[in-house]
């Protein structure tokens, strides 16, 4: 007997909305290389932007990235879109991707590549 997973309709709707924001924001799609398998297939030279290709294809997130997004939805729900701390967390996730480089998370450590991490996260502010 197989198990059927039942997902709350609101969670499913919010998940798809967040995926659309992740894929459609005008930021480099390479930031999602840990979140979408073979992200390079969306960066080939073409008349369409990589973001448009991602939105059209709506590829699945990797299991780890999906778990992170769903955990945010279960924790905050619609607060993610209402401003405040939950919205700030959503915007940060959209800007960096659900899975970011773990060496960039270690704020107190001294690293030779500290500048590279700071530069990667100071790109254009997403606007919705």
Foldseek 3Di string as FASTA:
>chain_A
DDDDDDDDPLLVVVLLVLLLLLLQWPDDQVLCPQWAPPLVVLPPDDPDHSSVVCNVVVGHTPPVLSVQSSVLCVVQPPVCVVDDPNVVVSQQCSLRPSDHDPVLVPVPDDDPCVVVSVVSRPDDRTDD
